[in-house]
Full PDB file with SEQRES, HELIX, SHEET, SSBOND, CRYST1, ORIGX, SCALE, CONECT and MASTER records, all heavy atoms in Angstrom:
SEQRES   1 A   33  PRO MET GLY ALA GLU VAL THR PRO VAL ASP GLY ASN ARG          
SEQRES   2 A   33  ASP TRP VAL TRP ARG GLU GLU ARG MET HIS HIS LEU LEU          
SEQRES   3 A   33  SER THR GLU ASP ALA GLU VAL                                  
HELIX    1 AA1 GLU A   19  SER A   27  1                                   9    
CRYST1    1.000    1.000    1.000  90.00  90.00  90.00 P 1           1          
ORIGX1      1.000000  0.000000  0.000000        0.00000                         
ORIGX2      0.000000  1.000000  0.000000        0.00000                         
ORIGX3      0.000000  0.000000  1.000000        0.00000                         
SCALE1      1.000000  0.000000  0.000000        0.00000                         
SCALE2      0.000000  1.000000  0.000000        0.00000                         
SCALE3      0.000000  0.000000  1.000000        0.00000                         
ATOM      1  N   PRO A   1       7.967   5.063   9.015  1.00  0.00           N  
ATOM      2  CA  PRO A   1       6.953   6.217   9.060  1.00  0.00           C  
ATOM      3  C   PRO A   1       6.384   6.634   7.612  1.00  0.00           C  
ATOM      4  O   PRO A   1       5.348   6.971   7.450  1.00  0.00           O  
ATOM      5  CB  PRO A   1       7.663   7.378   9.766  1.00  0.00           C  
ATOM      6  CG  PRO A   1       9.130   7.028   9.591  1.00  0.00           C  
ATOM      7  CD  PRO A   1       9.205   5.443   9.555  1.00  0.00           C  
ATOM      8  N   MET A   2       7.301   6.421   6.549  1.00  0.00           N  
ATOM      9  CA  MET A   2       6.902   6.756   5.230  1.00  0.00           C  
ATOM     10  C   MET A   2       5.914   5.814   4.622  1.00  0.00           C  
ATOM     11  O   MET A   2       5.041   6.209   3.807  1.00  0.00           O  
ATOM     12  CB  MET A   2       8.132   6.875   4.318  1.00  0.00           C  
ATOM     13  CG  MET A   2       9.123   7.973   4.833  1.00  0.00           C  
ATOM     14  SD  MET A   2       8.391   9.503   5.114  1.00  0.00           S  
ATOM     15  CE  MET A   2       8.040  10.050   3.458  1.00  0.00           C  
ATOM     16  N   GLY A   3       5.933   4.563   5.163  1.00  0.00           N  
ATOM     17  CA  GLY A   3       4.948   3.610   4.661  1.00  0.00           C  
ATOM     18  C   GLY A   3       3.733   3.571   5.538  1.00  0.00           C  
ATOM     19  O   GLY A   3       2.751   2.878   5.201  1.00  0.00           O  
ATOM     20  N   ALA A   4       3.716   4.314   6.643  1.00  0.00           N  
ATOM     21  CA  ALA A   4       2.480   4.332   7.494  1.00  0.00           C  
ATOM     22  C   ALA A   4       1.313   5.058   6.938  1.00  0.00           C  
ATOM     23  O   ALA A   4       1.656   6.109   6.255  1.00  0.00           O  
ATOM     24  CB  ALA A   4       2.859   4.820   8.820  1.00  0.00           C  
ATOM     25  N   GLU A   5       0.141   4.670   7.108  1.00  0.00           N  
ATOM     26  CA  GLU A   5      -1.086   5.408   6.643  1.00  0.00           C  
ATOM     27  C   GLU A   5      -1.191   6.670   7.206  1.00  0.00           C  
ATOM     28  O   GLU A   5      -1.588   7.668   6.827  1.00  0.00           O  
ATOM     29  CB  GLU A   5      -2.287   4.448   6.737  1.00  0.00           C  
ATOM     30  CG  GLU A   5      -3.505   5.028   6.243  1.00  0.00           C  
ATOM     31  CD  GLU A   5      -4.714   4.026   6.327  1.00  0.00           C  
ATOM     32  OE1 GLU A   5      -4.436   2.868   6.300  1.00  0.00           O  
ATOM     33  OE2 GLU A   5      -5.741   4.638   6.395  1.00  0.00           O  
ATOM     34  N   VAL A   6      -0.794   6.723   8.587  1.00  0.00           N  
ATOM     35  CA  VAL A   6      -0.973   7.903   9.433  1.00  0.00           C  
ATOM     36  C   VAL A   6       0.450   8.276   9.826  1.00  0.00           C  
ATOM     37  O   VAL A   6       1.174   7.504  10.437  1.00  0.00           O  
ATOM     38  CB  VAL A   6      -1.811   7.691  10.646  1.00  0.00           C  
ATOM     39  CG1 VAL A   6      -1.802   8.865  11.524  1.00  0.00           C  
ATOM     40  CG2 VAL A   6      -3.199   7.276  10.208  1.00  0.00           C  
ATOM     41  N   THR A   7       0.851   9.533   9.593  1.00  0.00           N  
ATOM     42  CA  THR A   7       2.257   9.982   9.972  1.00  0.00           C  
ATOM     43  C   THR A   7       2.427  10.076  11.456  1.00  0.00           C  
ATOM     44  O   THR A   7       1.369  10.361  12.238  1.00  0.00           O  
ATOM     45  CB  THR A   7       2.543  11.276   9.405  1.00  0.00           C  
ATOM     46  OG1 THR A   7       1.595  12.295   9.919  1.00  0.00           O  
ATOM     47  CG2 THR A   7       2.491  11.364   7.792  1.00  0.00           C  
ATOM     48  N   PRO A   8       3.602   9.684  11.947  1.00  0.00           N  
ATOM     49  CA  PRO A   8       3.871   9.852  13.312  1.00  0.00           C  
ATOM     50  C   PRO A   8       3.705  11.205  13.873  1.00  0.00           C  
ATOM     51  O   PRO A   8       3.769  12.158  13.113  1.00  0.00           O  
ATOM     52  CB  PRO A   8       5.344   9.300  13.414  1.00  0.00           C  
ATOM     53  CG  PRO A   8       5.613   8.766  12.177  1.00  0.00           C  
ATOM     54  CD  PRO A   8       4.748   9.285  11.171  1.00  0.00           C  
ATOM     55  N   VAL A   9       3.566  11.346  15.155  1.00  0.00           N  
ATOM     56  CA  VAL A   9       3.359  12.719  15.758  1.00  0.00           C  
ATOM     57  C   VAL A   9       4.713  13.516  15.715  1.00  0.00           C  
ATOM     58  O   VAL A   9       4.704  14.653  15.365  1.00  0.00           O  
ATOM     59  CB  VAL A   9       2.991  12.529  17.284  1.00  0.00           C  
ATOM     60  CG1 VAL A   9       2.988  13.852  17.982  1.00  0.00           C  
ATOM     61  CG2 VAL A   9       1.556  11.830  17.340  1.00  0.00           C  
ATOM     62  N   ASP A  10       5.789  12.835  15.903  1.00  0.00           N  
ATOM     63  CA  ASP A  10       7.095  13.512  16.155  1.00  0.00           C  
ATOM     64  C   ASP A  10       8.211  12.834  15.489  1.00  0.00           C  
ATOM     65  O   ASP A  10       8.757  11.828  15.998  1.00  0.00           O  
ATOM     66  CB  ASP A  10       7.365  13.649  17.719  1.00  0.00           C  
ATOM     67  CG  ASP A  10       8.729  14.254  18.052  1.00  0.00           C  
ATOM     68  OD1 ASP A  10       9.020  15.234  17.347  1.00  0.00           O  
ATOM     69  OD2 ASP A  10       9.342  13.868  19.019  1.00  0.00           O  
ATOM     70  N   GLY A  11       8.523  13.179  14.282  1.00  0.00           N  
ATOM     71  CA  GLY A  11       9.576  12.495  13.543  1.00  0.00           C  
ATOM     72  C   GLY A  11       9.308  11.063  13.275  1.00  0.00           C  
ATOM     73  O   GLY A  11       8.379  10.729  12.655  1.00  0.00           O  
ATOM     74  N   ASN A  12      10.032  10.198  13.940  1.00  0.00           N  
ATOM     75  CA  ASN A  12       9.845   8.765  13.807  1.00  0.00           C  
ATOM     76  C   ASN A  12       9.227   8.246  15.114  1.00  0.00           C  
ATOM     77  O   ASN A  12       9.246   6.985  15.377  1.00  0.00           O  
ATOM     78  CB  ASN A  12      11.237   8.088  13.626  1.00  0.00           C  
ATOM     79  CG  ASN A  12      11.742   8.203  12.308  1.00  0.00           C  
ATOM     80  OD1 ASN A  12      10.978   8.779  11.348  1.00  0.00           O  
ATOM     81  ND2 ASN A  12      12.890   7.674  11.976  1.00  0.00           N  
ATOM     82  N   ARG A  13       8.627   9.130  15.819  1.00  0.00           N  
ATOM     83  CA  ARG A  13       8.072   8.599  17.151  1.00  0.00           C  
ATOM     84  C   ARG A  13       6.441   8.827  17.054  1.00  0.00           C  
ATOM     85  O   ARG A  13       5.954   9.786  16.559  1.00  0.00           O  
ATOM     86  CB  ARG A  13       8.601   9.331  18.364  1.00  0.00           C  
ATOM     87  CG  ARG A  13       9.993   9.179  18.531  1.00  0.00           C  
ATOM     88  CD  ARG A  13      10.686   9.835  19.759  1.00  0.00           C  
ATOM     89  NE  ARG A  13       9.985  11.098  20.170  1.00  0.00           N  
ATOM     90  CZ  ARG A  13       9.859  11.529  21.395  1.00  0.00           C  
ATOM     91  NH1 ARG A  13      10.358  10.834  22.329  1.00  0.00           N  
ATOM     92  NH2 ARG A  13       9.365  12.758  21.628  1.00  0.00           N  
ATOM     93  N   ASP A  14       5.814   7.913  17.794  1.00  0.00           N  
ATOM     94  CA  ASP A  14       4.289   8.059  17.912  1.00  0.00           C  
ATOM     95  C   ASP A  14       3.948   7.806  19.414  1.00  0.00           C  
ATOM     96  O   ASP A  14       4.673   7.085  20.099  1.00  0.00           O  
ATOM     97  CB  ASP A  14       3.573   7.148  17.009  1.00  0.00           C  
ATOM     98  CG  ASP A  14       2.264   7.751  16.464  1.00  0.00           C  
ATOM     99  OD1 ASP A  14       1.791   8.678  16.958  1.00  0.00           O  
ATOM    100  OD2 ASP A  14       1.637   6.990  15.564  1.00  0.00           O  
ATOM    101  N   TRP A  15       2.823   8.460  19.766  1.00  0.00           N  
ATOM    102  CA  TRP A  15       2.350   8.313  21.140  1.00  0.00           C  
ATOM    103  C   TRP A  15       1.270   7.240  21.138  1.00  0.00           C  
ATOM    104  O   TRP A  15       0.154   7.350  20.447  1.00  0.00           O  
ATOM    105  CB  TRP A  15       1.753   9.690  21.458  1.00  0.00           C  
ATOM    106  CG  TRP A  15       1.288  10.003  22.899  1.00  0.00           C  
ATOM    107  CD1 TRP A  15      -0.012  10.347  23.244  1.00  0.00           C  
ATOM    108  CD2 TRP A  15       2.043  10.126  24.103  1.00  0.00           C  
ATOM    109  NE1 TRP A  15      -0.111  10.539  24.440  1.00  0.00           N  
ATOM    110  CE2 TRP A  15       1.086  10.355  25.092  1.00  0.00           C  
ATOM    111  CE3 TRP A  15       3.329   9.881  24.329  1.00  0.00           C  
ATOM    112  CZ2 TRP A  15       1.563  10.660  26.357  1.00  0.00           C  
ATOM    113  CZ3 TRP A  15       3.770  10.066  25.630  1.00  0.00           C  
ATOM    114  CH2 TRP A  15       2.905  10.371  26.596  1.00  0.00           C  
ATOM    115  N   VAL A  16       1.401   6.124  21.898  1.00  0.00           N  
ATOM    116  CA  VAL A  16       0.525   5.005  21.827  1.00  0.00           C  
ATOM    117  C   VAL A  16       0.154   4.658  23.290  1.00  0.00           C  
ATOM    118  O   VAL A  16       0.814   4.999  24.232  1.00  0.00           O  
ATOM    119  CB  VAL A  16       1.173   3.805  21.151  1.00  0.00           C  
ATOM    120  CG1 VAL A  16       1.243   4.031  19.652  1.00  0.00           C  
ATOM    121  CG2 VAL A  16       2.326   3.307  21.819  1.00  0.00           C  
ATOM    122  N   TRP A  17      -0.915   3.986  23.441  1.00  0.00           N  
ATOM    123  CA  TRP A  17      -1.383   3.427  24.759  1.00  0.00           C  
ATOM    124  C   TRP A  17      -0.389   2.443  25.253  1.00  0.00           C  
ATOM    125  O   TRP A  17       0.002   1.491  24.523  1.00  0.00           O  
ATOM    126  CB  TRP A  17      -2.774   2.889  24.701  1.00  0.00           C  
ATOM    127  CG  TRP A  17      -3.811   3.970  24.665  1.00  0.00           C  
ATOM    128  CD1 TRP A  17      -3.602   5.278  24.625  1.00  0.00           C  
ATOM    129  CD2 TRP A  17      -5.253   3.858  24.564  1.00  0.00           C  
ATOM    130  NE1 TRP A  17      -4.885   6.012  24.557  1.00  0.00           N  
ATOM    131  CE2 TRP A  17      -5.812   5.059  24.517  1.00  0.00           C  
ATOM    132  CE3 TRP A  17      -5.952   2.648  24.534  1.00  0.00           C  
ATOM    133  CZ2 TRP A  17      -7.208   5.226  24.368  1.00  0.00           C  
ATOM    134  CZ3 TRP A  17      -7.399   2.784  24.350  1.00  0.00           C  
ATOM    135  CH2 TRP A  17      -7.981   4.183  24.377  1.00  0.00           C  
ATOM    136  N   ARG A  18      -0.067   2.386  26.522  1.00  0.00           N  
ATOM    137  CA  ARG A  18       0.750   1.363  27.151  1.00  0.00           C  
ATOM    138  C   ARG A  18      -0.391   0.154  27.325  1.00  0.00           C  
ATOM    139  O   ARG A  18      -1.061   0.273  28.154  1.00  0.00           O  
ATOM    140  CB  ARG A  18       1.277   1.822  28.566  1.00  0.00           C  
ATOM    141  CG  ARG A  18       2.211   2.874  28.389  1.00  0.00           C  
ATOM    142  CD  ARG A  18       2.767   3.244  29.900  1.00  0.00           C  
ATOM    143  NE  ARG A  18       3.623   4.365  29.812  1.00  0.00           N  
ATOM    144  CZ  ARG A  18       4.983   4.343  29.767  1.00  0.00           C  
ATOM    145  NH1 ARG A  18       5.520   3.134  29.906  1.00  0.00           N  
ATOM    146  NH2 ARG A  18       5.783   5.377  29.818  1.00  0.00           N  
ATOM    147  N   GLU A  19      -0.137  -0.836  26.603  1.00  0.00           N  
ATOM    148  CA  GLU A  19      -1.095  -1.936  26.498  1.00  0.00           C  
ATOM    149  C   GLU A  19      -1.390  -2.591  27.822  1.00  0.00           C  
ATOM    150  O   GLU A  19      -2.516  -2.807  28.239  1.00  0.00           O  
ATOM    151  CB  GLU A  19      -0.726  -2.976  25.467  1.00  0.00           C  
ATOM    152  CG  GLU A  19      -0.801  -2.374  24.121  1.00  0.00           C  
ATOM    153  CD  GLU A  19      -0.302  -3.336  22.921  1.00  0.00           C  
ATOM    154  OE1 GLU A  19      -0.163  -4.439  23.279  1.00  0.00           O  
ATOM    155  OE2 GLU A  19      -0.077  -2.738  21.770  1.00  0.00           O  
ATOM    156  N   GLU A  20      -0.307  -2.952  28.576  1.00  0.00           N  
ATOM    157  CA  GLU A  20      -0.527  -3.670  29.835  1.00  0.00           C  
ATOM    158  C   GLU A  20      -1.189  -2.784  30.883  1.00  0.00           C  
ATOM    159  O   GLU A  20      -2.043  -3.242  31.625  1.00  0.00           O  
ATOM    160  CB  GLU A  20       0.880  -4.152  30.392  1.00  0.00           C  
ATOM    161  CG  GLU A  20       1.757  -3.097  30.947  1.00  0.00           C  
ATOM    162  CD  GLU A  20       2.451  -2.209  29.867  1.00  0.00           C  
ATOM    163  OE1 GLU A  20       2.460  -2.587  28.703  1.00  0.00           O  
ATOM    164  OE2 GLU A  20       3.069  -1.141  30.184  1.00  0.00           O  
ATOM    165  N   ARG A  21      -1.012  -1.514  30.870  1.00  0.00           N  
ATOM    166  CA  ARG A  21      -1.595  -0.621  31.777  1.00  0.00           C  
ATOM    167  C   ARG A  21      -3.124  -0.311  31.448  1.00  0.00           C  
ATOM    168  O   ARG A  21      -3.938  -0.199  32.239  1.00  0.00           O  
ATOM    169  CB  ARG A  21      -0.878   0.745  31.934  1.00  0.00           C  
ATOM    170  CG  ARG A  21       0.560   0.498  32.626  1.00  0.00           C  
ATOM    171  CD  ARG A  21       1.354   1.754  32.721  1.00  0.00           C  
ATOM    172  NE  ARG A  21       2.551   1.450  33.188  1.00  0.00           N  
ATOM    173  CZ  ARG A  21       3.535   2.282  33.545  1.00  0.00           C  
ATOM    174  NH1 ARG A  21       3.341   3.569  33.316  1.00  0.00           N  
ATOM    175  NH2 ARG A  21       4.717   2.030  34.103  1.00  0.00           N  
ATOM    176  N   MET A  22      -3.305  -0.226  30.147  1.00  0.00           N  
ATOM    177  CA  MET A  22      -4.744  -0.099  29.656  1.00  0.00           C  
ATOM    178  C   MET A  22      -5.527  -1.358  30.029  1.00  0.00           C  
ATOM    179  O   MET A  22      -6.777  -1.266  30.475  1.00  0.00           O  
ATOM    180  CB  MET A  22      -4.810   0.239  28.229  1.00  0.00           C  
ATOM    181  CG  MET A  22      -4.348   1.626  27.842  1.00  0.00           C  
ATOM    182  SD  MET A  22      -5.176   2.965  28.690  1.00  0.00           S  
ATOM    183  CE  MET A  22      -6.847   2.702  27.953  1.00  0.00           C  
ATOM    184  N   HIS A  23      -4.969  -2.476  29.777  1.00  0.00           N  
ATOM    185  CA  HIS A  23      -5.618  -3.760  30.199  1.00  0.00           C  
ATOM    186  C   HIS A  23      -5.906  -3.712  31.624  1.00  0.00           C  
ATOM    187  O   HIS A  23      -7.023  -4.319  31.988  1.00  0.00           O  
ATOM    188  CB  HIS A  23      -4.779  -5.016  29.771  1.00  0.00           C  
ATOM    189  CG  HIS A  23      -4.833  -5.265  28.389  1.00  0.00           C  
ATOM    190  ND1 HIS A  23      -5.987  -5.674  27.718  1.00  0.00           N  
ATOM    191  CD2 HIS A  23      -3.876  -5.256  27.438  1.00  0.00           C  
ATOM    192  CE1 HIS A  23      -5.755  -5.958  26.431  1.00  0.00           C  
ATOM    193  NE2 HIS A  23      -4.503  -5.743  26.312  1.00  0.00           N  
ATOM    194  N   HIS A  24      -4.987  -3.346  32.451  1.00  0.00           N  
ATOM    195  CA  HIS A  24      -5.289  -3.321  33.937  1.00  0.00           C  
ATOM    196  C   HIS A  24      -6.409  -2.363  34.234  1.00  0.00           C  
ATOM    197  O   HIS A  24      -7.367  -2.696  34.982  1.00  0.00           O  
ATOM    198  CB  HIS A  24      -4.059  -2.924  34.699  1.00  0.00           C  
ATOM    199  CG  HIS A  24      -4.247  -2.792  36.117  1.00  0.00           C  
ATOM    200  ND1 HIS A  24      -4.304  -3.836  36.934  1.00  0.00           N  
ATOM    201  CD2 HIS A  24      -4.221  -1.707  36.907  1.00  0.00           C  
ATOM    202  CE1 HIS A  24      -4.462  -3.419  38.136  1.00  0.00           C  
ATOM    203  NE2 HIS A  24      -4.494  -2.071  38.189  1.00  0.00           N  
ATOM    204  N   LEU A  25      -6.366  -1.087  33.655  1.00  0.00           N  
ATOM    205  CA  LEU A  25      -7.420  -0.097  33.954  1.00  0.00           C  
ATOM    206  C   LEU A  25      -8.784  -0.725  33.525  1.00  0.00           C  
ATOM    207  O   LEU A  25      -9.708  -0.544  34.271  1.00  0.00           O  
ATOM    208  CB  LEU A  25      -7.120   1.126  33.149  1.00  0.00           C  
ATOM    209  CG  LEU A  25      -8.169   2.159  33.121  1.00  0.00           C  
ATOM    210  CD1 LEU A  25      -8.362   2.848  34.505  1.00  0.00           C  
ATOM    211  CD2 LEU A  25      -7.962   3.350  32.154  1.00  0.00           C  
ATOM    212  N   LEU A  26      -8.860  -1.254  32.421  1.00  0.00           N  
ATOM    213  CA  LEU A  26     -10.106  -1.710  31.933  1.00  0.00           C  
ATOM    214  C   LEU A  26     -10.622  -2.995  32.685  1.00  0.00           C  
ATOM    215  O   LEU A  26     -11.808  -3.357  32.627  1.00  0.00           O  
ATOM    216  CB  LEU A  26     -10.176  -1.999  30.420  1.00  0.00           C  
ATOM    217  CG  LEU A  26      -9.906  -0.774  29.549  1.00  0.00           C  
ATOM    218  CD1 LEU A  26      -9.624  -1.034  28.102  1.00  0.00           C  
ATOM    219  CD2 LEU A  26     -11.074   0.335  29.698  1.00  0.00           C  
ATOM    220  N   SER A  27      -9.747  -3.566  33.397  1.00  0.00           N  
ATOM    221  CA  SER A  27     -10.026  -4.921  34.195  1.00  0.00           C  
ATOM    222  C   SER A  27     -10.476  -4.536  35.572  1.00  0.00           C  
ATOM    223  O   SER A  27     -11.161  -5.326  36.333  1.00  0.00           O  
ATOM    224  CB  SER A  27      -8.905  -5.829  34.279  1.00  0.00           C  
ATOM    225  OG  SER A  27      -8.612  -6.262  32.977  1.00  0.00           O  
ATOM    226  N   THR A  28     -10.215  -3.187  36.051  1.00  0.00           N  
ATOM    227  CA  THR A  28     -10.577  -2.900  37.287  1.00  0.00           C  
ATOM    228  C   THR A  28     -12.113  -2.610  37.496  1.00  0.00           C  
ATOM    229  O   THR A  28     -12.667  -1.997  36.660  1.00  0.00           O  
ATOM    230  CB  THR A  28      -9.683  -1.589  37.712  1.00  0.00           C  
ATOM    231  OG1 THR A  28      -8.377  -1.838  37.506  1.00  0.00           O  
ATOM    232  CG2 THR A  28      -9.992  -1.146  39.166  1.00  0.00           C  
ATOM    233  N   GLU A  29     -12.605  -3.109  38.623  1.00  0.00           N  
ATOM    234  CA  GLU A  29     -14.068  -3.006  38.819  1.00  0.00           C  
ATOM    235  C   GLU A  29     -14.286  -2.251  40.085  1.00  0.00           C  
ATOM    236  O   GLU A  29     -14.636  -2.799  41.110  1.00  0.00           O  
ATOM    237  CB  GLU A  29     -14.717  -4.441  39.027  1.00  0.00           C  
ATOM    238  CG  GLU A  29     -14.660  -5.303  37.792  1.00  0.00           C  
ATOM    239  CD  GLU A  29     -15.762  -5.129  36.798  1.00  0.00           C  
ATOM    240  OE1 GLU A  29     -16.661  -4.400  37.140  1.00  0.00           O  
ATOM    241  OE2 GLU A  29     -15.565  -5.541  35.669  1.00  0.00           O  
ATOM    242  N   ASP A  30     -14.110  -0.930  40.039  1.00  0.00           N  
ATOM    243  CA  ASP A  30     -14.206  -0.080  41.257  1.00  0.00           C  
ATOM    244  C   ASP A  30     -15.154   1.166  41.142  1.00  0.00           C  
ATOM    245  O   ASP A  30     -15.158   2.105  41.936  1.00  0.00           O  
ATOM    246  CB  ASP A  30     -12.878   0.327  41.736  1.00  0.00           C  
ATOM    247  CG  ASP A  30     -12.122   1.289  40.683  1.00  0.00           C  
ATOM    248  OD1 ASP A  30     -12.667   1.335  39.601  1.00  0.00           O  
ATOM    249  OD2 ASP A  30     -11.105   1.769  41.017  1.00  0.00           O  
ATOM    250  N   ALA A  31     -16.008   1.079  40.096  1.00  0.00           N  
ATOM    251  CA  ALA A  31     -16.911   2.149  39.838  1.00  0.00           C  
ATOM    252  C   ALA A  31     -18.104   1.571  38.967  1.00  0.00           C  
ATOM    253  O   ALA A  31     -17.897   0.558  38.208  1.00  0.00           O  
ATOM    254  CB  ALA A  31     -16.355   3.323  39.190  1.00  0.00           C  
ATOM    255  N   GLU A  32     -19.222   2.223  39.002  1.00  0.00           N  
ATOM    256  CA  GLU A  32     -20.344   1.879  38.147  1.00  0.00           C  
ATOM    257  C   GLU A  32     -20.062   2.193  36.657  1.00  0.00           C  
ATOM    258  O   GLU A  32     -20.440   1.436  35.743  1.00  0.00           O  
ATOM    259  CB  GLU A  32     -21.614   2.642  38.499  1.00  0.00           C  
ATOM    260  CG  GLU A  32     -22.287   2.062  39.607  1.00  0.00           C  
ATOM    261  CD  GLU A  32     -23.698   2.730  39.848  1.00  0.00           C  
ATOM    262  OE1 GLU A  32     -24.424   2.947  38.825  1.00  0.00           O  
ATOM    263  OE2 GLU A  32     -24.027   3.034  41.050  1.00  0.00           O  
ATOM    264  N   VAL A  33     -19.357   3.378  36.528  1.00  0.00           N  
ATOM    265  CA  VAL A  33     -19.013   3.864  35.094  1.00  0.00           C  
ATOM    266  C   VAL A  33     -17.599   4.251  35.132  1.00  0.00           C  
ATOM    267  O   VAL A  33     -17.117   4.911  36.081  1.00  0.00           O  
ATOM    268  CB  VAL A  33     -19.908   4.897  34.704  1.00  0.00           C  
ATOM    269  CG1 VAL A  33     -19.565   5.373  33.237  1.00  0.00           C  
ATOM    270  CG2 VAL A  33     -21.413   4.592  34.705  1.00  0.00           C  
TER     271      VAL A  33                                                      
MASTER        0    0    0    1    0    0    0    6  270    1    0    3          
END                                                                             
């Protein structure tokens, strides 16, 4: 965390997107927008 350009949210922890779930969401074709 000390070498990171952006400091973590909570001590040594950061909140990030779950990659596999975001890929699934963005692959779903069930709406116009």
